[in-house]
Amino acid sequence: MSDDINIDDLIAKLGLQPHPEGGYYAETFRAFETCNPGNRYLGVRSTGTAIYYLLTPDTFSGMHILTSDEIFHHYIGDAVEQLQLFEDGTHRKVEIGKDLLAGQKPQMVVPNNVWQGARLKPGGKFALLGCTVAPGFDFADFSMGKRTALKAKWPAASEMITALTRD
């Protein structure tokens, strides 16, 4: 099935547009209900949001951080490698995909205030993911990472940080 999918058709059918972090996205849900989640947010937020998120061989999700929890869901396509950088200086690399026997997970949670970035596994053609955010996503809660600063704090993840940053 994945071999039959044309990326341009997929982008058109789902109404995807370039995402500032890389890849393509379209918001599919924004809860009408709102909340005032407190001091790590400036103002009121939707209680939840969801998007389609597409990675292709020439795109990646640049290292970024959110003040909300984010859940990734693998829909179709190839596996994705995701790097997560924790405040205590540790990191982990996970695979989001459908091959459970190889240790991939079809769903992955990134806790709030954890740096994250992702790319297709080498040789992959595309991956269509979903991302659910709670409290809901707002660009005011989003920051892109700087390569030099991230590598200084997480030197053990230096190679993947370089691959997932643009500066």
C-alpha atoms as a PDB file:
ATOM      1  CA  MET A   1       0.000   0.000   0.000  1.00  0.00           C
ATOM      2  CA  SER A   2       2.736   2.513   0.914  1.00  0.00           C
ATOM      3  CA  ASP A   3       4.471   1.892  -2.416  1.00  0.00           C
ATOM      4  CA  ASP A   4       1.337   3.043  -4.263  1.00  0.00           C
ATOM      5  CA  ILE A   5       1.139   6.408  -2.488  1.00  0.00           C
ATOM      6  CA  ASN A   6       2.304   9.509  -4.310  1.00  0.00           C
ATOM      7  CA  ILE A   7       3.564  12.117  -1.812  1.00  0.00           C
ATOM      8  CA  ASP A   8       2.195  15.083  -3.809  1.00  0.00           C
ATOM      9  CA  ASP A   9      -1.244  13.417  -3.931  1.00  0.00           C
ATOM     10  CA  LEU A  10      -1.110  12.733  -0.196  1.00  0.00           C
ATOM     11  CA  ILE A  11      -0.233  16.372   0.526  1.00  0.00           C
ATOM     12  CA  ALA A  12      -3.092  17.552  -1.701  1.00  0.00           C
ATOM     13  CA  LYS A  13      -5.708  15.065  -0.400  1.00  0.00           C
ATOM     14  CA  LEU A  14      -4.998  15.929   3.239  1.00  0.00           C
ATOM     15  CA  GLY A  15      -4.535  19.677   2.635  1.00  0.00           C
ATOM     16  CA  LEU A  16      -1.049  19.631   4.139  1.00  0.00           C
ATOM     17  CA  GLN A  17       1.197  22.689   4.248  1.00  0.00           C
ATOM     18  CA  PRO A  18       4.845  23.152   5.272  1.00  0.00           C
ATOM     19  CA  HIS A  19       5.377  23.160   9.045  1.00  0.00           C
ATOM     20  CA  PRO A  20       7.867  25.658  10.527  1.00  0.00           C
ATOM     21  CA  GLU A  21       9.725  22.782  12.240  1.00  0.00           C
ATOM     22  CA  GLY A  22       9.928  20.834   8.947  1.00  0.00           C
ATOM     23  CA  GLY A  23       7.662  18.305   7.287  1.00  0.00           C
ATOM     24  CA  TYR A  24       4.026  18.995   6.382  1.00  0.00           C
ATOM     25  CA  TYR A  25       0.924  19.327   8.523  1.00  0.00           C
ATOM     26  CA  ALA A  26      -2.781  20.122   8.669  1.00  0.00           C
ATOM     27  CA  GLU A  27      -4.764  20.783  11.827  1.00  0.00           C
ATOM     28  CA  THR A  28      -7.655  18.310  11.997  1.00  0.00           C
ATOM     29  CA  PHE A  29      -9.098  19.119  15.426  1.00  0.00           C
ATOM     30  CA  ARG A  30      -9.164  21.993  17.893  1.00  0.00           C
ATOM     31  CA  ALA A  31     -11.411  21.580  20.937  1.00  0.00           C
ATOM     32  CA  PHE A  32     -13.932  24.367  21.436  1.00  0.00           C
ATOM     33  CA  GLU A  33     -13.600  23.907  25.188  1.00  0.00           C
ATOM     34  CA  THR A  34     -10.809  25.997  26.699  1.00  0.00           C
ATOM     35  CA  CYS A  35      -8.794  26.030  29.892  1.00  0.00           C
ATOM     36  CA  ASN A  36      -6.393  28.332  31.681  1.00  0.00           C
ATOM     37  CA  PRO A  37      -3.631  25.821  32.468  1.00  0.00           C
ATOM     38  CA  GLY A  38      -1.558  28.075  34.660  1.00  0.00           C
ATOM     39  CA  ASN A  39       1.845  29.633  34.921  1.00  0.00           C
ATOM     40  CA  ARG A  40       3.664  27.870  32.080  1.00  0.00           C
ATOM     41  CA  TYR A  41       1.190  29.312  29.556  1.00  0.00           C
ATOM     42  CA  LEU A  42       0.281  32.868  28.674  1.00  0.00           C
ATOM     43  CA  GLY A  43      -3.507  32.888  28.654  1.00  0.00           C
ATOM     44  CA  VAL A  44      -6.251  30.492  27.678  1.00  0.00           C
ATOM     45  CA  ARG A  45      -5.663  27.343  25.599  1.00  0.00           C
ATOM     46  CA  SER A  46      -7.901  24.893  23.819  1.00  0.00           C
ATOM     47  CA  THR A  47      -8.141  21.691  25.848  1.00  0.00           C
ATOM     48  CA  GLY A  48      -6.704  19.706  22.925  1.00  0.00           C
ATOM     49  CA  THR A  49      -5.608  19.783  19.293  1.00  0.00           C
ATOM     50  CA  ALA A  50      -4.677  17.229  16.637  1.00  0.00           C
ATOM     51  CA  ILE A  51      -2.820  17.384  13.328  1.00  0.00           C
ATOM     52  CA  TYR A  52      -1.701  15.162  10.488  1.00  0.00           C
ATOM     53  CA  TYR A  53       2.092  15.297  10.217  1.00  0.00           C
ATOM     54  CA  LEU A  54       4.042  14.040   7.195  1.00  0.00           C
ATOM     55  CA  LEU A  55       7.772  13.369   6.965  1.00  0.00           C
ATOM     56  CA  THR A  56       9.498  12.721   3.624  1.00  0.00           C
ATOM     57  CA  PRO A  57      13.131  11.837   2.822  1.00  0.00           C
ATOM     58  CA  ASP A  58      13.997  15.518   2.300  1.00  0.00           C
ATOM     59  CA  THR A  59      12.329  16.768   5.507  1.00  0.00           C
ATOM     60  CA  PHE A  60      12.775  16.324   9.239  1.00  0.00           C
ATOM     61  CA  SER A  61      11.168  17.630  12.398  1.00  0.00           C
ATOM     62  CA  GLY A  62      13.752  20.081  13.739  1.00  0.00           C
ATOM     63  CA  MET A  63      14.599  20.011  17.444  1.00  0.00           C
ATOM     64  CA  HIS A  64      11.886  21.908  19.290  1.00  0.00           C
ATOM     65  CA  ILE A  65      10.176  22.102  22.645  1.00  0.00           C
ATOM     66  CA  LEU A  66       6.517  22.531  23.676  1.00  0.00           C
ATOM     67  CA  THR A  67       4.974  23.477  26.993  1.00  0.00           C
ATOM     68  CA  SER A  68       2.276  20.813  26.443  1.00  0.00           C
ATOM     69  CA  ASP A  69       2.405  17.025  26.273  1.00  0.00           C
ATOM     70  CA  GLU A  70       2.401  15.663  22.714  1.00  0.00           C
ATOM     71  CA  ILE A  71       1.326  12.209  21.547  1.00  0.00           C
ATOM     72  CA  PHE A  72       2.479  10.881  18.162  1.00  0.00           C
ATOM     73  CA  HIS A  73       0.431   8.239  16.318  1.00  0.00           C
ATOM     74  CA  HIS A  74       1.858   6.291  13.351  1.00  0.00           C
ATOM     75  CA  TYR A  75      -0.741   5.913  10.579  1.00  0.00           C
ATOM     76  CA  ILE A  76       0.989   4.702   7.413  1.00  0.00           C
ATOM     77  CA  GLY A  77       4.410   4.590   5.841  1.00  0.00           C
ATOM     78  CA  ASP A  78       7.862   3.945   7.210  1.00  0.00           C
ATOM     79  CA  ALA A  79       9.281   4.161  10.699  1.00  0.00           C
ATOM     80  CA  VAL A  80      10.459   7.415  12.264  1.00  0.00           C
ATOM     81  CA  GLU A  81      13.440   7.954  14.567  1.00  0.00           C
ATOM     82  CA  GLN A  82      12.725  10.474  17.314  1.00  0.00           C
ATOM     83  CA  LEU A  83      15.245  12.046  19.669  1.00  0.00           C
ATOM     84  CA  GLN A  84      14.075  13.263  23.078  1.00  0.00           C
ATOM     85  CA  LEU A  85      16.318  15.415  25.303  1.00  0.00           C
ATOM     86  CA  PHE A  86      15.476  15.626  29.003  1.00  0.00           C
ATOM     87  CA  GLU A  87      16.249  18.491  31.380  1.00  0.00           C
ATOM     88  CA  ASP A  88      18.508  16.301  33.537  1.00  0.00           C
ATOM     89  CA  GLY A  89      20.944  15.899  30.614  1.00  0.00           C
ATOM     90  CA  THR A  90      19.777  12.437  29.538  1.00  0.00           C
ATOM     91  CA  HIS A  91      18.333  11.557  26.153  1.00  0.00           C
ATOM     92  CA  ARG A  92      16.601   8.713  24.395  1.00  0.00           C
ATOM     93  CA  LYS A  93      16.113   7.713  20.792  1.00  0.00           C
ATOM     94  CA  VAL A  94      12.842   5.949  20.015  1.00  0.00           C
ATOM     95  CA  GLU A  95      11.243   4.534  16.888  1.00  0.00           C
ATOM     96  CA  ILE A  96       7.666   5.308  15.976  1.00  0.00           C
ATOM     97  CA  GLY A  97       6.294   2.708  13.590  1.00  0.00           C
ATOM     98  CA  LYS A  98       4.320  -0.457  13.132  1.00  0.00           C
ATOM     99  CA  ASP A  99       7.039  -3.145  13.548  1.00  0.00           C
ATOM    100  CA  LEU A 100       6.353  -4.059  17.164  1.00  0.00           C
ATOM    101  CA  LEU A 101       8.726  -7.034  17.067  1.00  0.00           C
ATOM    102  CA  ALA A 102      11.596  -4.646  16.187  1.00  0.00           C
ATOM    103  CA  GLY A 103      10.749  -2.479  19.209  1.00  0.00           C
ATOM    104  CA  GLN A 104       8.860   0.223  17.333  1.00  0.00           C
ATOM    105  CA  LYS A 105       5.850   1.830  18.980  1.00  0.00           C
ATOM    106  CA  PRO A 106       2.748   2.937  17.040  1.00  0.00           C
ATOM    107  CA  GLN A 107       2.219   5.669  19.647  1.00  0.00           C
ATOM    108  CA  MET A 108       4.810   7.779  21.469  1.00  0.00           C
ATOM    109  CA  VAL A 109       4.363  10.400  24.192  1.00  0.00           C
ATOM    110  CA  VAL A 110       6.717  13.369  24.482  1.00  0.00           C
ATOM    111  CA  PRO A 111       6.200  15.017  27.881  1.00  0.00           C
ATOM    112  CA  ASN A 112       5.994  18.797  28.094  1.00  0.00           C
ATOM    113  CA  ASN A 113       9.285  20.693  28.191  1.00  0.00           C
ATOM    114  CA  VAL A 114      11.260  17.858  26.562  1.00  0.00           C
ATOM    115  CA  TRP A 115      13.250  18.765  23.442  1.00  0.00           C
ATOM    116  CA  GLN A 116      12.306  16.600  20.470  1.00  0.00           C
ATOM    117  CA  GLY A 117      13.079  16.107  16.801  1.00  0.00           C
ATOM    118  CA  ALA A 118      12.450  13.318  14.298  1.00  0.00           C
ATOM    119  CA  ARG A 119      13.323  11.980  10.868  1.00  0.00           C
ATOM    120  CA  LEU A 120      12.517   9.000   8.708  1.00  0.00           C
ATOM    121  CA  LYS A 121      14.646   5.945   9.326  1.00  0.00           C
ATOM    122  CA  PRO A 122      17.250   5.657   6.555  1.00  0.00           C
ATOM    123  CA  GLY A 123      15.716   4.346   3.338  1.00  0.00           C
ATOM    124  CA  GLY A 124      12.196   5.412   4.303  1.00  0.00           C
ATOM    125  CA  LYS A 125       9.904   6.969   1.677  1.00  0.00           C
ATOM    126  CA  PHE A 126       7.422   8.742   3.959  1.00  0.00           C
ATOM    127  CA  ALA A 127       5.625   8.535   7.282  1.00  0.00           C
ATOM    128  CA  LEU A 128       2.156   9.900   7.981  1.00  0.00           C
ATOM    129  CA  LEU A 129       1.737  10.546  11.686  1.00  0.00           C
ATOM    130  CA  GLY A 130      -0.835  12.204  13.858  1.00  0.00           C
ATOM    131  CA  CYS A 131       0.065  14.507  16.742  1.00  0.00           C
ATOM    132  CA  THR A 132      -2.324  15.173  19.598  1.00  0.00           C
ATOM    133  CA  VAL A 133      -1.459  17.977  22.033  1.00  0.00           C
ATOM    134  CA  ALA A 134      -3.015  18.710  25.429  1.00  0.00           C
ATOM    135  CA  PRO A 135      -3.533  21.440  26.452  1.00  0.00           C
ATOM    136  CA  GLY A 136      -3.929  22.369  22.809  1.00  0.00           C
ATOM    137  CA  PHE A 137      -1.090  23.557  20.603  1.00  0.00           C
ATOM    138  CA  ASP A 138      -0.361  27.253  20.258  1.00  0.00           C
ATOM    139  CA  PHE A 139       2.724  28.638  18.478  1.00  0.00           C
ATOM    140  CA  ALA A 140       3.324  30.822  21.564  1.00  0.00           C
ATOM    141  CA  ASP A 141       4.239  27.594  23.418  1.00  0.00           C
ATOM    142  CA  PHE A 142       6.709  26.399  20.740  1.00  0.00           C
ATOM    143  CA  SER A 143      10.458  27.096  20.445  1.00  0.00           C
ATOM    144  CA  MET A 144      13.026  25.809  17.947  1.00  0.00           C
ATOM    145  CA  GLY A 145      16.349  24.557  19.302  1.00  0.00           C
ATOM    146  CA  LYS A 146      19.794  25.927  18.531  1.00  0.00           C
ATOM    147  CA  ARG A 147      22.385  23.312  17.557  1.00  0.00           C
ATOM    148  CA  THR A 148      25.279  24.720  19.596  1.00  0.00           C
ATOM    149  CA  ALA A 149      23.295  25.033  22.832  1.00  0.00           C
ATOM    150  CA  LEU A 150      21.694  21.589  22.497  1.00  0.00           C
ATOM    151  CA  LYS A 151      25.005  19.863  21.720  1.00  0.00           C
ATOM    152  CA  ALA A 152      26.648  21.573  24.714  1.00  0.00           C
ATOM    153  CA  LYS A 153      24.034  20.190  27.138  1.00  0.00           C
ATOM    154  CA  TRP A 154      23.585  16.766  25.462  1.00  0.00           C
ATOM    155  CA  PRO A 155      27.016  15.892  23.966  1.00  0.00           C
ATOM    156  CA  ALA A 156      26.178  12.166  23.869  1.00  0.00           C
ATOM    157  CA  ALA A 157      23.377  12.949  21.366  1.00  0.00           C
ATOM    158  CA  SER A 158      25.527  15.315  19.300  1.00  0.00           C
ATOM    159  CA  GLU A 159      25.343  13.405  16.008  1.00  0.00           C
ATOM    160  CA  MET A 160      21.550  13.220  15.942  1.00  0.00           C
ATOM    161  CA  ILE A 161      21.192  16.809  17.199  1.00  0.00           C
ATOM    162  CA  THR A 162      23.293  17.901  14.209  1.00  0.00           C
ATOM    163  CA  ALA A 163      21.034  15.923  11.871  1.00  0.00           C
ATOM    164  CA  LEU A 164      17.883  17.468  13.406  1.00  0.00           C
ATOM    165  CA  THR A 165      18.906  21.143  13.472  1.00  0.00           C
ATOM    166  CA  ARG A 166      19.338  23.689  10.694  1.00  0.00           C
ATOM    167  CA  ASP A 167      21.912  26.099  12.156  1.00  0.00           C
END
